[in-house]
């Protein structure tokens, strides 16, 4: 989005790097930029957990745990099951690629969700 200038270019470039397998790009995420872009581009009905205090920016997950940008560990007790159907090859491949990095939803900040908005 041209009107968002360099800020959105930074986040979109980082998302492209992540898609290309450069996971270190997540370590350079600016939480405030992602939060600002999400509030601007995404529907307000998609709530963010802890928005009124300090929303969580999740960057990776292993097993039952998710990790924020400061590598704090959280037991994941909130994510829902997939709502896209079962056994669709393209979806399964895309989900497998993303799950290898992080499996979350729109309750937390993440640049992929914001970029898609």
Foldseek 3Di string as FASTA:
>chain_A
DPVVPPLLVLLVVLVVCVLVPNLCSLLVDDQVSLVVLCVVPDDPVLAAPPPVPDFFAWWFDDDQWTAGSVRDIDRDPDADDDDPDPDDVVVVVVVVSVNRTHDHDSNGGYSVVSNVD
